[in-house]
Amino acid sequence: GTGCLVKAVETAAQREAFIVGKPNRYMFDCVVNELDISPARTIMVGDRLDTDIFMGNSCGLTTLLTLTGVTALDEVRGHQESDCPARQSLIPDFYVDSIADLLPALED
């Protein structure tokens, strides 16, 4: 990730960075305000639980995990079996094996 670079800039600037990227909801809030998007009618599609799915859940979006990235279904099942609220926030609403599985639905 960019953590090393961020730390170097923070040290040089003597200021703490404000991270705008996922899973910080700032970016999504800006889009909602600018484009009048309804979170209830929006889906977050991603391949990482700790960024994409966490951000989607935090913003009140429906979440869809694609298993073509870094996350395996066994990891999701582990979170489902946990009573830990932090782990529960990493559970997607839906999953697909590949993003290509969505193409037929988008053609309709």
PDB file of N, CA and C in Angstrom:
ATOM      1  N   GLY A   1       0.810  -1.186   0.000  1.00  0.00           N
ATOM      2  CA  GLY A   1       0.000   0.000   0.000  1.00  0.00           C
ATOM      3  C   GLY A   1       0.856   1.254   0.000  1.00  0.00           C
ATOM      4  N   THR A   2       0.221   2.333   0.305  1.00  0.00           N
ATOM      5  CA  THR A   2       0.885   3.634   0.268  1.00  0.00           C
ATOM      6  C   THR A   2       1.315   4.100   1.646  1.00  0.00           C
ATOM      7  N   GLY A   3       1.193   3.248   2.644  1.00  0.00           N
ATOM      8  CA  GLY A   3       1.501   3.622   4.021  1.00  0.00           C
ATOM      9  C   GLY A   3       2.888   4.201   4.220  1.00  0.00           C
ATOM     10  N   CYS A   4       3.899   3.615   3.574  1.00  0.00           N
ATOM     11  CA  CYS A   4       5.278   4.114   3.722  1.00  0.00           C
ATOM     12  C   CYS A   4       5.402   5.532   3.191  1.00  0.00           C
ATOM     13  N   LEU A   5       4.813   5.775   2.040  1.00  0.00           N
ATOM     14  CA  LEU A   5       4.873   7.105   1.434  1.00  0.00           C
ATOM     15  C   LEU A   5       4.121   8.125   2.286  1.00  0.00           C
ATOM     16  N   VAL A   6       2.965   7.738   2.791  1.00  0.00           N
ATOM     17  CA  VAL A   6       2.174   8.641   3.637  1.00  0.00           C
ATOM     18  C   VAL A   6       2.969   9.021   4.879  1.00  0.00           C
ATOM     19  N   LYS A   7       3.588   8.040   5.522  1.00  0.00           N
ATOM     20  CA  LYS A   7       4.381   8.321   6.729  1.00  0.00           C
ATOM     21  C   LYS A   7       5.524   9.287   6.430  1.00  0.00           C
ATOM     22  N   ALA A   8       6.173   9.111   5.289  1.00  0.00           N
ATOM     23  CA  ALA A   8       7.278  10.001   4.927  1.00  0.00           C
ATOM     24  C   ALA A   8       6.785  11.436   4.744  1.00  0.00           C
ATOM     25  N   VAL A   9       5.648  11.596   4.082  1.00  0.00           N
ATOM     26  CA  VAL A   9       5.087  12.934   3.869  1.00  0.00           C
ATOM     27  C   VAL A   9       4.634  13.537   5.194  1.00  0.00           C
ATOM     28  N   GLU A  10       4.011  12.721   6.051  1.00  0.00           N
ATOM     29  CA  GLU A  10       3.588  13.213   7.368  1.00  0.00           C
ATOM     30  C   GLU A  10       4.784  13.717   8.174  1.00  0.00           C
ATOM     31  N   THR A  11       5.860  12.966   8.136  1.00  0.00           N
ATOM     32  CA  THR A  11       7.060  13.352   8.880  1.00  0.00           C
ATOM     33  C   THR A  11       7.636  14.655   8.333  1.00  0.00           C
ATOM     34  N   ALA A  12       7.731  14.751   7.021  1.00  0.00           N
ATOM     35  CA  ALA A  12       8.283  15.961   6.404  1.00  0.00           C
ATOM     36  C   ALA A  12       7.386  17.177   6.639  1.00  0.00           C
ATOM     37  N   ALA A  13       6.070  16.971   6.588  1.00  0.00           N
ATOM     38  CA  ALA A  13       5.125  18.085   6.742  1.00  0.00           C
ATOM     39  C   ALA A  13       4.800  18.380   8.202  1.00  0.00           C
ATOM     40  N   GLN A  14       5.183  17.469   9.076  1.00  0.00           N
ATOM     41  CA  GLN A  14       4.871  17.574  10.505  1.00  0.00           C
ATOM     42  C   GLN A  14       3.362  17.734  10.733  1.00  0.00           C
ATOM     43  N   ARG A  15       2.605  16.967   9.946  1.00  0.00           N
ATOM     44  CA  ARG A  15       1.143  16.953  10.056  1.00  0.00           C
ATOM     45  C   ARG A  15       0.656  15.538   9.816  1.00  0.00           C
ATOM     46  N   GLU A  16      -0.482  15.215  10.410  1.00  0.00           N
ATOM     47  CA  GLU A  16      -1.101  13.914  10.171  1.00  0.00           C
ATOM     48  C   GLU A  16      -1.924  13.983   8.893  1.00  0.00           C
ATOM     49  N   ALA A  17      -1.780  12.972   8.046  1.00  0.00           N
ATOM     50  CA  ALA A  17      -2.509  12.934   6.778  1.00  0.00           C
ATOM     51  C   ALA A  17      -3.992  12.658   7.011  1.00  0.00           C
ATOM     52  N   PHE A  18      -4.825  13.218   6.161  1.00  0.00           N
ATOM     53  CA  PHE A  18      -6.252  12.910   6.140  1.00  0.00           C
ATOM     54  C   PHE A  18      -6.467  11.977   4.962  1.00  0.00           C
ATOM     55  N   ILE A  19      -6.740  10.720   5.246  1.00  0.00           N
ATOM     56  CA  ILE A  19      -6.868   9.704   4.209  1.00  0.00           C
ATOM     57  C   ILE A  19      -8.270   9.764   3.610  1.00  0.00           C
ATOM     58  N   VAL A  20      -8.337   9.922   2.302  1.00  0.00           N
ATOM     59  CA  VAL A  20      -9.613  10.058   1.611  1.00  0.00           C
ATOM     60  C   VAL A  20     -10.058   8.734   0.999  1.00  0.00           C
ATOM     61  N   GLY A  21      -9.149   7.836   0.711  1.00  0.00           N
ATOM     62  CA  GLY A  21      -9.479   6.586   0.033  1.00  0.00           C
ATOM     63  C   GLY A  21     -10.225   5.597   0.910  1.00  0.00           C
ATOM     64  N   LYS A  22     -10.614   4.480   0.289  1.00  0.00           N
ATOM     65  CA  LYS A  22     -11.336   3.434   1.006  1.00  0.00           C
ATOM     66  C   LYS A  22     -10.492   2.923   2.165  1.00  0.00           C
ATOM     67  N   PRO A  23     -11.096   2.625   3.281  1.00  0.00           N
ATOM     68  CA  PRO A  23     -12.532   2.576   3.563  1.00  0.00           C
ATOM     69  C   PRO A  23     -13.107   3.865   4.149  1.00  0.00           C
ATOM     70  N   ASN A  24     -12.370   4.975   4.117  1.00  0.00           N
ATOM     71  CA  ASN A  24     -12.892   6.239   4.629  1.00  0.00           C
ATOM     72  C   ASN A  24     -14.114   6.652   3.813  1.00  0.00           C
ATOM     73  N   ARG A  25     -15.189   7.033   4.472  1.00  0.00           N
ATOM     74  CA  ARG A  25     -16.437   7.343   3.780  1.00  0.00           C
ATOM     75  C   ARG A  25     -16.465   8.754   3.204  1.00  0.00           C
ATOM     76  N   TYR A  26     -15.442   9.565   3.436  1.00  0.00           N
ATOM     77  CA  TYR A  26     -15.411  10.944   2.956  1.00  0.00           C
ATOM     78  C   TYR A  26     -15.649  11.022   1.447  1.00  0.00           C
ATOM     79  N   MET A  27     -14.966  10.171   0.700  1.00  0.00           N
ATOM     80  CA  MET A  27     -15.087  10.160  -0.753  1.00  0.00           C
ATOM     81  C   MET A  27     -16.534   9.873  -1.164  1.00  0.00           C
ATOM     82  N   PHE A  28     -17.150   8.892  -0.540  1.00  0.00           N
ATOM     83  CA  PHE A  28     -18.531   8.545  -0.879  1.00  0.00           C
ATOM     84  C   PHE A  28     -19.484   9.671  -0.505  1.00  0.00           C
ATOM     85  N   ASP A  29     -19.288  10.273   0.654  1.00  0.00           N
ATOM     86  CA  ASP A  29     -20.149  11.385   1.075  1.00  0.00           C
ATOM     87  C   ASP A  29     -20.089  12.538   0.076  1.00  0.00           C
ATOM     88  N   CYS A  30     -18.914  12.818  -0.472  1.00  0.00           N
ATOM     89  CA  CYS A  30     -18.781  13.874  -1.483  1.00  0.00           C
ATOM     90  C   CYS A  30     -19.577  13.528  -2.741  1.00  0.00           C
ATOM     91  N   VAL A  31     -19.491  12.284  -3.177  1.00  0.00           N
ATOM     92  CA  VAL A  31     -20.228  11.848  -4.365  1.00  0.00           C
ATOM     93  C   VAL A  31     -21.730  11.932  -4.118  1.00  0.00           C
ATOM     94  N   VAL A  32     -22.187  11.492  -2.955  1.00  0.00           N
ATOM     95  CA  VAL A  32     -23.613  11.549  -2.613  1.00  0.00           C
ATOM     96  C   VAL A  32     -24.113  12.986  -2.658  1.00  0.00           C
ATOM     97  N   ASN A  33     -23.369  13.894  -2.065  1.00  0.00           N
ATOM     98  CA  ASN A  33     -23.780  15.297  -2.030  1.00  0.00           C
ATOM     99  C   ASN A  33     -23.758  15.946  -3.408  1.00  0.00           C
ATOM    100  N   GLU A  34     -22.784  15.593  -4.216  1.00  0.00           N
ATOM    101  CA  GLU A  34     -22.641  16.208  -5.535  1.00  0.00           C
ATOM    102  C   GLU A  34     -23.648  15.660  -6.542  1.00  0.00           C
ATOM    103  N   LEU A  35     -23.920  14.369  -6.486  1.00  0.00           N
ATOM    104  CA  LEU A  35     -24.747  13.720  -7.507  1.00  0.00           C
ATOM    105  C   LEU A  35     -26.116  13.276  -7.004  1.00  0.00           C
ATOM    106  N   ASP A  36     -26.439  13.575  -5.762  1.00  0.00           N
ATOM    107  CA  ASP A  36     -27.736  13.211  -5.191  1.00  0.00           C
ATOM    108  C   ASP A  36     -28.018  11.709  -5.345  1.00  0.00           C
ATOM    109  N   ILE A  37     -27.080  10.911  -4.890  1.00  0.00           N
ATOM    110  CA  ILE A  37     -27.188   9.454  -4.971  1.00  0.00           C
ATOM    111  C   ILE A  37     -27.847   8.920  -3.707  1.00  0.00           C
ATOM    112  N   SER A  38     -28.719   7.943  -3.876  1.00  0.00           N
ATOM    113  CA  SER A  38     -29.365   7.298  -2.739  1.00  0.00           C
ATOM    114  C   SER A  38     -28.559   6.064  -2.333  1.00  0.00           C
ATOM    115  N   PRO A  39     -27.986   6.040  -1.135  1.00  0.00           N
ATOM    116  CA  PRO A  39     -27.244   4.851  -0.699  1.00  0.00           C
ATOM    117  C   PRO A  39     -28.090   3.573  -0.751  1.00  0.00           C
ATOM    118  N   ALA A  40     -29.380   3.682  -0.501  1.00  0.00           N
ATOM    119  CA  ALA A  40     -30.257   2.508  -0.514  1.00  0.00           C
ATOM    120  C   ALA A  40     -30.386   1.906  -1.914  1.00  0.00           C
ATOM    121  N   ARG A  41     -30.059   2.687  -2.950  1.00  0.00           N
ATOM    122  CA  ARG A  41     -30.166   2.205  -4.331  1.00  0.00           C
ATOM    123  C   ARG A  41     -28.788   2.038  -4.980  1.00  0.00           C
ATOM    124  N   THR A  42     -27.757   1.926  -4.146  1.00  0.00           N
ATOM    125  CA  THR A  42     -26.381   1.865  -4.639  1.00  0.00           C
ATOM    126  C   THR A  42     -25.717   0.586  -4.149  1.00  0.00           C
ATOM    127  N   ILE A  43     -24.906  -0.014  -5.010  1.00  0.00           N
ATOM    128  CA  ILE A  43     -24.193  -1.236  -4.634  1.00  0.00           C
ATOM    129  C   ILE A  43     -22.688  -0.989  -4.734  1.00  0.00           C
ATOM    130  N   MET A  44     -21.971  -1.461  -3.744  1.00  0.00           N
ATOM    131  CA  MET A  44     -20.504  -1.397  -3.746  1.00  0.00           C
ATOM    132  C   MET A  44     -19.998  -2.764  -4.178  1.00  0.00           C
ATOM    133  N   VAL A  45     -19.262  -2.802  -5.266  1.00  0.00           N
ATOM    134  CA  VAL A  45     -18.695  -4.039  -5.792  1.00  0.00           C
ATOM    135  C   VAL A  45     -17.195  -3.989  -5.556  1.00  0.00           C
ATOM    136  N   GLY A  46     -16.648  -5.037  -4.970  1.00  0.00           N
ATOM    137  CA  GLY A  46     -15.213  -5.049  -4.736  1.00  0.00           C
ATOM    138  C   GLY A  46     -14.688  -6.423  -4.402  1.00  0.00           C
ATOM    139  N   ASP A  47     -13.358  -6.521  -4.337  1.00  0.00           N
ATOM    140  CA  ASP A  47     -12.714  -7.809  -4.078  1.00  0.00           C
ATOM    141  C   ASP A  47     -11.993  -7.866  -2.736  1.00  0.00           C
ATOM    142  N   ARG A  48     -12.120  -6.818  -1.934  1.00  0.00           N
ATOM    143  CA  ARG A  48     -11.449  -6.794  -0.622  1.00  0.00           C
ATOM    144  C   ARG A  48     -12.467  -6.523   0.475  1.00  0.00           C
ATOM    145  N   LEU A  49     -12.418  -7.342   1.511  1.00  0.00           N
ATOM    146  CA  LEU A  49     -13.343  -7.165   2.632  1.00  0.00           C
ATOM    147  C   LEU A  49     -13.006  -5.932   3.453  1.00  0.00           C
ATOM    148  N   ASP A  50     -11.710  -5.701   3.694  1.00  0.00           N
ATOM    149  CA  ASP A  50     -11.305  -4.639   4.625  1.00  0.00           C
ATOM    150  C   ASP A  50     -11.364  -3.238   4.033  1.00  0.00           C
ATOM    151  N   THR A  51     -11.554  -3.122   2.733  1.00  0.00           N
ATOM    152  CA  THR A  51     -11.686  -1.796   2.120  1.00  0.00           C
ATOM    153  C   THR A  51     -13.044  -1.662   1.441  1.00  0.00           C
ATOM    154  N   ASP A  52     -13.263  -2.417   0.382  1.00  0.00           N
ATOM    155  CA  ASP A  52     -14.477  -2.294  -0.423  1.00  0.00           C
ATOM    156  C   ASP A  52     -15.744  -2.641   0.356  1.00  0.00           C
ATOM    157  N   ILE A  53     -15.774  -3.823   0.928  1.00  0.00           N
ATOM    158  CA  ILE A  53     -16.983  -4.284   1.617  1.00  0.00           C
ATOM    159  C   ILE A  53     -17.198  -3.502   2.907  1.00  0.00           C
ATOM    160  N   PHE A  54     -16.139  -3.248   3.652  1.00  0.00           N
ATOM    161  CA  PHE A  54     -16.268  -2.462   4.882  1.00  0.00           C
ATOM    162  C   PHE A  54     -16.813  -1.066   4.576  1.00  0.00           C
ATOM    163  N   MET A  55     -16.276  -0.427   3.537  1.00  0.00           N
ATOM    164  CA  MET A  55     -16.760   0.907   3.177  1.00  0.00           C
ATOM    165  C   MET A  55     -18.226   0.852   2.762  1.00  0.00           C
ATOM    166  N   GLY A  56     -18.578  -0.117   1.928  1.00  0.00           N
ATOM    167  CA  GLY A  56     -19.970  -0.241   1.497  1.00  0.00           C
ATOM    168  C   GLY A  56     -20.913  -0.425   2.670  1.00  0.00           C
ATOM    169  N   ASN A  57     -20.551  -1.312   3.578  1.00  0.00           N
ATOM    170  CA  ASN A  57     -21.394  -1.543   4.759  1.00  0.00           C
ATOM    171  C   ASN A  57     -21.465  -0.300   5.638  1.00  0.00           C
ATOM    172  N   SER A  58     -20.356   0.393   5.799  1.00  0.00           N
ATOM    173  CA  SER A  58     -20.323   1.604   6.628  1.00  0.00           C
ATOM    174  C   SER A  58     -21.184   2.726   6.048  1.00  0.00           C
ATOM    175  N   CYS A  59     -21.320   2.735   4.724  1.00  0.00           N
ATOM    176  CA  CYS A  59     -22.088   3.789   4.051  1.00  0.00           C
ATOM    177  C   CYS A  59     -23.542   3.392   3.807  1.00  0.00           C
ATOM    178  N   GLY A  60     -23.944   2.219   4.280  1.00  0.00           N
ATOM    179  CA  GLY A  60     -25.330   1.782   4.106  1.00  0.00           C
ATOM    180  C   GLY A  60     -25.653   1.288   2.708  1.00  0.00           C
ATOM    181  N   LEU A  61     -24.635   0.799   1.994  1.00  0.00           N
ATOM    182  CA  LEU A  61     -24.828   0.292   0.641  1.00  0.00           C
ATOM    183  C   LEU A  61     -25.036  -1.214   0.666  1.00  0.00           C
ATOM    184  N   THR A  62     -25.658  -1.743  -0.366  1.00  0.00           N
ATOM    185  CA  THR A  62     -25.643  -3.177  -0.599  1.00  0.00           C
ATOM    186  C   THR A  62     -24.229  -3.506  -1.062  1.00  0.00           C
ATOM    187  N   THR A  63     -23.687  -4.633  -0.624  1.00  0.00           N
ATOM    188  CA  THR A  63     -22.308  -4.970  -0.979  1.00  0.00           C
ATOM    189  C   THR A  63     -22.243  -6.287  -1.744  1.00  0.00           C
ATOM    190  N   LEU A  64     -21.346  -6.330  -2.720  1.00  0.00           N
ATOM    191  CA  LEU A  64     -21.137  -7.509  -3.553  1.00  0.00           C
ATOM    192  C   LEU A  64     -19.640  -7.784  -3.632  1.00  0.00           C
ATOM    193  N   LEU A  65     -19.234  -8.940  -3.149  1.00  0.00           N
ATOM    194  CA  LEU A  65     -17.834  -9.354  -3.179  1.00  0.00           C
ATOM    195  C   LEU A  65     -17.575 -10.181  -4.425  1.00  0.00           C
ATOM    196  N   THR A  66     -16.498  -9.859  -5.141  1.00  0.00           N
ATOM    197  CA  THR A  66     -16.057 -10.692  -6.253  1.00  0.00           C
ATOM    198  C   THR A  66     -14.883 -11.531  -5.759  1.00  0.00           C
ATOM    199  N   LEU A  67     -14.937 -12.801  -6.036  1.00  0.00           N
ATOM    200  CA  LEU A  67     -13.914 -13.720  -5.528  1.00  0.00           C
ATOM    201  C   LEU A  67     -12.720 -13.848  -6.471  1.00  0.00           C
ATOM    202  N   THR A  68     -12.577 -12.920  -7.407  1.00  0.00           N
ATOM    203  CA  THR A  68     -11.442 -12.948  -8.332  1.00  0.00           C
ATOM    204  C   THR A  68     -10.260 -12.147  -7.811  1.00  0.00           C
ATOM    205  N   GLY A  69     -10.393 -11.576  -6.628  1.00  0.00           N
ATOM    206  CA  GLY A  69      -9.321 -10.760  -6.059  1.00  0.00           C
ATOM    207  C   GLY A  69      -8.625 -11.459  -4.913  1.00  0.00           C
ATOM    208  N   VAL A  70      -8.385 -10.718  -3.852  1.00  0.00           N
ATOM    209  CA  VAL A  70      -7.582 -11.204  -2.739  1.00  0.00           C
ATOM    210  C   VAL A  70      -8.371 -11.981  -1.690  1.00  0.00           C
ATOM    211  N   THR A  71      -9.700 -11.927  -1.737  1.00  0.00           N
ATOM    212  CA  THR A  71     -10.516 -12.535  -0.687  1.00  0.00           C
ATOM    213  C   THR A  71     -11.063 -13.885  -1.123  1.00  0.00           C
ATOM    214  N   ALA A  72     -10.950 -14.866  -0.242  1.00  0.00           N
ATOM    215  CA  ALA A  72     -11.521 -16.190  -0.479  1.00  0.00           C
ATOM    216  C   ALA A  72     -12.814 -16.327   0.320  1.00  0.00           C
ATOM    217  N   LEU A  73     -13.706 -17.177  -0.156  1.00  0.00           N
ATOM    218  CA  LEU A  73     -14.994 -17.374   0.500  1.00  0.00           C
ATOM    219  C   LEU A  73     -14.830 -17.899   1.925  1.00  0.00           C
ATOM    220  N   ASP A  74     -13.793 -18.677   2.183  1.00  0.00           N
ATOM    221  CA  ASP A  74     -13.544 -19.179   3.544  1.00  0.00           C
ATOM    222  C   ASP A  74     -13.332 -18.033   4.531  1.00  0.00           C
ATOM    223  N   GLU A  75     -12.727 -16.946   4.080  1.00  0.00           N
ATOM    224  CA  GLU A  75     -12.528 -15.786   4.949  1.00  0.00           C
ATOM    225  C   GLU A  75     -13.871 -15.166   5.328  1.00  0.00           C
ATOM    226  N   VAL A  76     -14.776 -15.077   4.365  1.00  0.00           N
ATOM    227  CA  VAL A  76     -16.121 -14.549   4.635  1.00  0.00           C
ATOM    228  C   VAL A  76     -16.831 -15.444   5.642  1.00  0.00           C
ATOM    229  N   ARG A  77     -16.741 -16.740   5.438  1.00  0.00           N
ATOM    230  CA  ARG A  77     -17.406 -17.683   6.355  1.00  0.00           C
ATOM    231  C   ARG A  77     -16.866 -17.550   7.775  1.00  0.00           C
ATOM    232  N   GLY A  78     -15.580 -17.300   7.908  1.00  0.00           N
ATOM    233  CA  GLY A  78     -14.994 -17.082   9.228  1.00  0.00           C
ATOM    234  C   GLY A  78     -15.592 -15.864   9.912  1.00  0.00           C
ATOM    235  N   HIS A  79     -15.810 -14.803   9.156  1.00  0.00           N
ATOM    236  CA  HIS A  79     -16.430 -13.595   9.713  1.00  0.00           C
ATOM    237  C   HIS A  79     -17.888 -13.856  10.080  1.00  0.00           C
ATOM    238  N   GLN A  80     -18.582 -14.652   9.262  1.00  0.00           N
ATOM    239  CA  GLN A  80     -19.987 -14.963   9.540  1.00  0.00           C
ATOM    240  C   GLN A  80     -20.143 -15.736  10.845  1.00  0.00           C
ATOM    241  N   GLU A  81     -19.176 -16.548  11.177  1.00  0.00           N
ATOM    242  CA  GLU A  81     -19.245 -17.369  12.388  1.00  0.00           C
ATOM    243  C   GLU A  81     -18.817 -16.615  13.639  1.00  0.00           C
ATOM    244  N   SER A  82     -18.300 -15.417  13.470  1.00  0.00           N
ATOM    245  CA  SER A  82     -17.797 -14.629  14.593  1.00  0.00           C
ATOM    246  C   SER A  82     -18.898 -13.765  15.209  1.00  0.00           C
ATOM    247  N   ASP A  83     -18.802 -13.548  16.510  1.00  0.00           N
ATOM    248  CA  ASP A  83     -19.709 -12.635  17.207  1.00  0.00           C
ATOM    249  C   ASP A  83     -19.126 -11.225  17.300  1.00  0.00           C
ATOM    250  N   CYS A  84     -17.938 -11.027  16.779  1.00  0.00           N
ATOM    251  CA  CYS A  84     -17.243  -9.740  16.854  1.00  0.00           C
ATOM    252  C   CYS A  84     -17.882  -8.736  15.884  1.00  0.00           C
ATOM    253  N   PRO A  85     -18.367  -7.592  16.386  1.00  0.00           N
ATOM    254  CA  PRO A  85     -18.987  -6.592  15.504  1.00  0.00           C
ATOM    255  C   PRO A  85     -18.053  -6.102  14.392  1.00  0.00           C
ATOM    256  N   ALA A  86     -16.773  -5.982  14.689  1.00  0.00           N
ATOM    257  CA  ALA A  86     -15.823  -5.530  13.662  1.00  0.00           C
ATOM    258  C   ALA A  86     -15.755  -6.534  12.515  1.00  0.00           C
ATOM    259  N   ARG A  87     -15.779  -7.800  12.838  1.00  0.00           N
ATOM    260  CA  ARG A  87     -15.740  -8.832  11.796  1.00  0.00           C
ATOM    261  C   ARG A  87     -17.064  -8.906  11.044  1.00  0.00           C
ATOM    262  N   GLN A  88     -18.169  -8.652  11.743  1.00  0.00           N
ATOM    263  CA  GLN A  88     -19.481  -8.656  11.096  1.00  0.00           C
ATOM    264  C   GLN A  88     -19.574  -7.560  10.031  1.00  0.00           C
ATOM    265  N   SER A  89     -18.865  -6.458  10.232  1.00  0.00           N
ATOM    266  CA  SER A  89     -18.909  -5.348   9.270  1.00  0.00           C
ATOM    267  C   SER A  89     -18.158  -5.665   7.976  1.00  0.00           C
ATOM    268  N   LEU A  90     -17.492  -6.811   7.930  1.00  0.00           N
ATOM    269  CA  LEU A  90     -16.744  -7.224   6.745  1.00  0.00           C
ATOM    270  C   LEU A  90     -17.503  -8.242   5.896  1.00  0.00           C
ATOM    271  N   ILE A  91     -18.739  -8.540   6.255  1.00  0.00           N
ATOM    272  CA  ILE A  91     -19.521  -9.556   5.549  1.00  0.00           C
ATOM    273  C   ILE A  91     -20.313  -8.901   4.416  1.00  0.00           C
ATOM    274  N   PRO A  92     -20.112  -9.376   3.180  1.00  0.00           N
ATOM    275  CA  PRO A  92     -20.866  -8.811   2.057  1.00  0.00           C
ATOM    276  C   PRO A  92     -22.301  -9.340   2.036  1.00  0.00           C
ATOM    277  N   ASP A  93     -23.170  -8.589   1.381  1.00  0.00           N
ATOM    278  CA  ASP A  93     -24.550  -9.052   1.203  1.00  0.00           C
ATOM    279  C   ASP A  93     -24.615 -10.181   0.190  1.00  0.00           C
ATOM    280  N   PHE A  94     -23.792 -10.087  -0.847  1.00  0.00           N
ATOM    281  CA  PHE A  94     -23.776 -11.073  -1.927  1.00  0.00           C
ATOM    282  C   PHE A  94     -22.335 -11.301  -2.369  1.00  0.00           C
ATOM    283  N   TYR A  95     -22.125 -12.388  -3.110  1.00  0.00           N
ATOM    284  CA  TYR A  95     -20.812 -12.613  -3.715  1.00  0.00           C
ATOM    285  C   TYR A  95     -20.994 -13.292  -5.064  1.00  0.00           C
ATOM    286  N   VAL A  96     -20.014 -13.115  -5.932  1.00  0.00           N
ATOM    287  CA  VAL A  96     -19.949 -13.797  -7.222  1.00  0.00           C
ATOM    288  C   VAL A  96     -18.536 -14.336  -7.383  1.00  0.00           C
ATOM    289  N   ASP A  97     -18.418 -15.415  -8.129  1.00  0.00           N
ATOM    290  CA  ASP A  97     -17.090 -15.977  -8.371  1.00  0.00           C
ATOM    291  C   ASP A  97     -16.232 -15.022  -9.195  1.00  0.00           C
ATOM    292  N   SER A  98     -16.860 -14.343 -10.142  1.00  0.00           N
ATOM    293  CA  SER A  98     -16.135 -13.435 -11.035  1.00  0.00           C
ATOM    294  C   SER A  98     -17.013 -12.234 -11.360  1.00  0.00           C
ATOM    295  N   ILE A  99     -16.397 -11.102 -11.572  1.00  0.00           N
ATOM    296  CA  ILE A  99     -17.137  -9.908 -11.975  1.00  0.00           C
ATOM    297  C   ILE A  99     -17.848 -10.160 -13.303  1.00  0.00           C
ATOM    298  N   ALA A 100     -17.313 -11.058 -14.110  1.00  0.00           N
ATOM    299  CA  ALA A 100     -17.939 -11.404 -15.392  1.00  0.00           C
ATOM    300  C   ALA A 100     -19.318 -12.021 -15.189  1.00  0.00           C
ATOM    301  N   ASP A 101     -19.575 -12.595 -14.013  1.00  0.00           N
ATOM    302  CA  ASP A 101     -20.890 -13.175 -13.723  1.00  0.00           C
ATOM    303  C   ASP A 101     -21.994 -12.123 -13.730  1.00  0.00           C
ATOM    304  N   LEU A 102     -21.638 -10.858 -13.613  1.00  0.00           N
ATOM    305  CA  LEU A 102     -22.629  -9.782 -13.602  1.00  0.00           C
ATOM    306  C   LEU A 102     -23.061  -9.356 -15.006  1.00  0.00           C
ATOM    307  N   LEU A 103     -22.287  -9.674 -16.013  1.00  0.00           N
ATOM    308  CA  LEU A 103     -22.567  -9.193 -17.366  1.00  0.00           C
ATOM    309  C   LEU A 103     -23.963  -9.548 -17.870  1.00  0.00           C
ATOM    310  N   PRO A 104     -24.440 -10.788 -17.719  1.00  0.00           N
ATOM    311  CA  PRO A 104     -25.798 -11.084 -18.196  1.00  0.00           C
ATOM    312  C   PRO A 104     -26.868 -10.206 -17.538  1.00  0.00           C
ATOM    313  N   ALA A 105     -26.726  -9.918 -16.271  1.00  0.00           N
ATOM    314  CA  ALA A 105     -27.711  -9.081 -15.576  1.00  0.00           C
ATOM    315  C   ALA A 105     -27.668  -7.645 -16.084  1.00  0.00           C
ATOM    316  N   LEU A 106     -26.502  -7.171 -16.472  1.00  0.00           N
ATOM    317  CA  LEU A 106     -26.365  -5.800 -16.953  1.00  0.00           C
ATOM    318  C   LEU A 106     -26.897  -5.622 -18.374  1.00  0.00           C
ATOM    319  N   GLU A 107     -27.002  -6.719 -19.120  1.00  0.00           N
ATOM    320  CA  GLU A 107     -27.497  -6.646 -20.495  1.00  0.00           C
ATOM    321  C   GLU A 107     -29.007  -6.491 -20.551  1.00  0.00           C
ATOM    322  N   ASP A 108     -29.707  -6.846 -19.494  1.00  0.00           N
ATOM    323  CA  ASP A 108     -31.182  -6.759 -19.479  1.00  0.00           C
ATOM    324  C   ASP A 108     -31.671  -5.349 -19.329  1.00  0.00           C
TER     325      ASP A 108
END
